[in-house]
Amino acid sequence: MAALPSILFVCSRNAGRSPMAAALVHHLAPGRYIALSAGISPASRPNPLVTRVMGEVGINIPDHRPGPLSALLDRRFDRIIILTDEVPPFLPPAGEVISVPLSDPAALSGEEGEQLAALRLLRDEITAWIRGNLL
């Protein structure tokens, strides 16, 4: 049996965009991909509001721990999808590298309700991208 295609989602801190994307791939295409996420400079913990908006659509990610991109340099991926406009200083080997810069949840300001609304839009944008490009 052939190995599943592997995807690595990369963002700045691995606390929002990339874990959302990896979890959405597993949710929308169960058993079709191996999806991982990593950060250029990982945060110490996931964004709790990201965990909340993912839970709203039945995706549980509270156990996610932000991880460094550097820990994955010895792996090869079929695709690396960069979700930040920040240029990674290095990447693991990959068959294809795609840049899909999305807004950074860490940069959101305002009341919690406004941040949640922006994160829901981001979640939906990532979902639409996955449906249009991976499914």
Protein backbone atom coordinates (compact mmCIF):
# COMPACT_ATOMS: atom_id res chain seq x y z
CA MET A 1 0.00 0.00 0.00
CA ALA A 2 1.34 3.43 -0.94
CA ALA A 3 2.05 5.99 1.76
CA LEU A 4 -0.40 8.83 2.18
CA PRO A 5 0.62 12.19 0.70
CA SER A 6 2.20 14.39 3.36
CA ILE A 7 1.51 18.07 3.88
CA LEU A 8 3.28 20.47 6.20
CA PHE A 9 1.54 23.73 7.04
CA VAL A 10 3.90 26.47 8.21
CA CYS A 11 3.05 29.74 9.94
CA SER A 12 4.89 32.11 12.24
CA ARG A 13 4.08 30.73 15.69
CA ASN A 14 2.21 27.45 15.04
CA ALA A 15 -0.51 28.68 17.39
CA GLY A 16 -3.29 29.50 14.91
CA ARG A 17 -3.20 29.20 11.13
CA SER A 18 -1.10 26.08 10.63
CA PRO A 19 -2.72 23.95 13.36
CA MET A 20 -6.13 25.05 12.07
CA ALA A 21 -5.17 23.96 8.56
CA ALA A 22 -3.75 20.58 9.61
CA ALA A 23 -6.81 19.83 11.75
CA LEU A 24 -9.15 20.88 8.94
CA VAL A 25 -7.40 18.55 6.47
CA HIS A 26 -7.83 15.64 8.87
CA HIS A 27 -11.47 16.60 9.41
CA LEU A 28 -12.40 17.22 5.76
CA ALA A 29 -10.34 14.43 4.19
CA PRO A 30 -9.92 11.72 6.84
CA GLY A 31 -7.37 9.13 5.84
CA ARG A 32 -6.33 10.94 2.64
CA TYR A 33 -3.33 12.92 3.91
CA ILE A 34 -0.80 13.10 6.67
CA ALA A 35 -1.03 16.76 7.71
CA LEU A 36 1.38 18.36 10.17
CA SER A 37 2.01 21.92 11.25
CA ALA A 38 5.02 23.87 12.46
CA GLY A 39 6.07 27.40 13.31
CA ILE A 40 9.04 29.50 12.31
CA SER A 41 9.26 30.80 15.90
CA PRO A 42 6.71 28.72 17.83
CA ALA A 43 4.59 30.19 20.59
CA SER A 44 4.59 28.66 24.04
CA ARG A 45 0.95 27.63 23.73
CA PRO A 46 -1.86 27.55 21.18
CA ASN A 47 -4.14 30.53 20.80
CA PRO A 48 -7.12 29.65 23.05
CA LEU A 49 -9.55 31.50 20.76
CA VAL A 50 -8.40 29.34 17.84
CA THR A 51 -9.16 26.25 19.90
CA ARG A 52 -12.59 27.71 20.61
CA VAL A 53 -13.55 28.48 17.00
CA MET A 54 -12.36 25.06 15.87
CA GLY A 55 -14.51 23.46 18.57
CA GLU A 56 -17.50 25.30 17.13
CA VAL A 57 -17.24 23.14 14.00
CA GLY A 58 -16.58 19.92 15.89
CA ILE A 59 -12.79 19.90 15.62
CA ASN A 60 -11.00 19.37 18.90
CA ILE A 61 -7.43 20.73 19.01
CA PRO A 62 -6.78 21.58 22.69
CA ASP A 63 -3.86 19.13 22.90
CA HIS A 64 -1.94 20.87 20.11
CA ARG A 65 1.50 22.03 21.22
CA PRO A 66 3.25 24.55 18.97
CA GLY A 67 6.33 22.99 17.41
CA PRO A 68 9.35 24.37 15.58
CA LEU A 69 9.91 24.01 11.88
CA SER A 70 13.50 23.07 12.68
CA ALA A 71 12.32 19.79 14.26
CA LEU A 72 11.04 18.59 10.87
CA LEU A 73 14.11 19.22 8.72
CA ASP A 74 14.91 15.51 8.48
CA ARG A 75 11.51 14.67 6.95
CA ARG A 76 10.41 14.99 3.34
CA PHE A 77 6.94 16.30 2.50
CA ASP A 78 4.95 16.07 -0.67
CA ARG A 79 3.73 19.64 -0.11
CA ILE A 80 4.70 22.46 2.17
CA ILE A 81 2.11 25.20 2.43
CA ILE A 82 3.34 28.46 3.92
CA LEU A 83 0.47 30.38 5.53
CA THR A 84 2.43 33.49 6.46
CA ASP A 85 4.07 36.30 4.54
CA GLU A 86 7.14 35.72 6.72
CA VAL A 87 9.86 33.93 4.75
CA PRO A 88 11.01 30.77 6.52
CA PRO A 89 14.81 30.74 6.90
CA PHE A 90 14.82 27.04 5.94
CA LEU A 91 12.38 24.33 4.90
CA PRO A 92 12.45 20.55 4.88
CA PRO A 93 12.69 18.93 1.46
CA ALA A 94 9.40 18.96 -0.44
CA GLY A 95 7.93 18.06 -3.79
CA GLU A 96 6.08 21.37 -3.90
CA VAL A 97 6.10 24.57 -1.85
CA ILE A 98 3.02 26.78 -1.98
CA SER A 99 2.58 30.22 -0.44
CA VAL A 100 -0.90 31.08 0.80
CA PRO A 101 -0.36 34.08 3.10
CA LEU A 102 -3.21 34.53 5.58
CA SER A 103 -3.78 37.08 8.31
CA ASP A 104 -2.03 36.35 11.60
CA PRO A 105 -4.39 35.64 14.54
CA ALA A 106 -1.74 37.00 16.93
CA ALA A 107 -2.12 40.41 15.28
CA LEU A 108 -5.85 40.60 15.98
CA SER A 109 -6.93 43.29 18.36
CA GLY A 110 -10.23 44.43 19.75
CA GLU A 111 -12.81 42.84 21.95
CA GLU A 112 -12.96 39.07 22.25
CA GLY A 113 -16.12 38.97 20.14
CA GLU A 114 -14.36 40.83 17.31
CA GLN A 115 -11.37 38.48 17.53
CA LEU A 116 -13.66 35.44 17.44
CA ALA A 117 -15.45 36.81 14.38
CA ALA A 118 -12.12 37.36 12.60
CA LEU A 119 -10.94 33.85 13.53
CA ARG A 120 -14.17 32.34 12.21
CA LEU A 121 -13.55 34.10 8.89
CA LEU A 122 -9.96 32.82 8.88
CA ARG A 123 -11.13 29.27 9.65
CA ASP A 124 -13.64 29.50 6.82
CA GLU A 125 -11.00 30.89 4.44
CA ILE A 126 -8.68 27.97 5.24
CA THR A 127 -11.58 25.53 4.80
CA ALA A 128 -12.40 27.00 1.38
CA TRP A 129 -8.75 26.80 0.32
CA ILE A 130 -8.50 23.16 1.37
CA ARG A 131 -11.74 22.28 -0.43
CA GLY A 132 -10.58 24.05 -3.58
CA ASN A 133 -7.02 22.74 -3.60
CA LEU A 134 -6.80 19.43 -1.75
CA LEU A 135 -10.17 17.74 -2.09
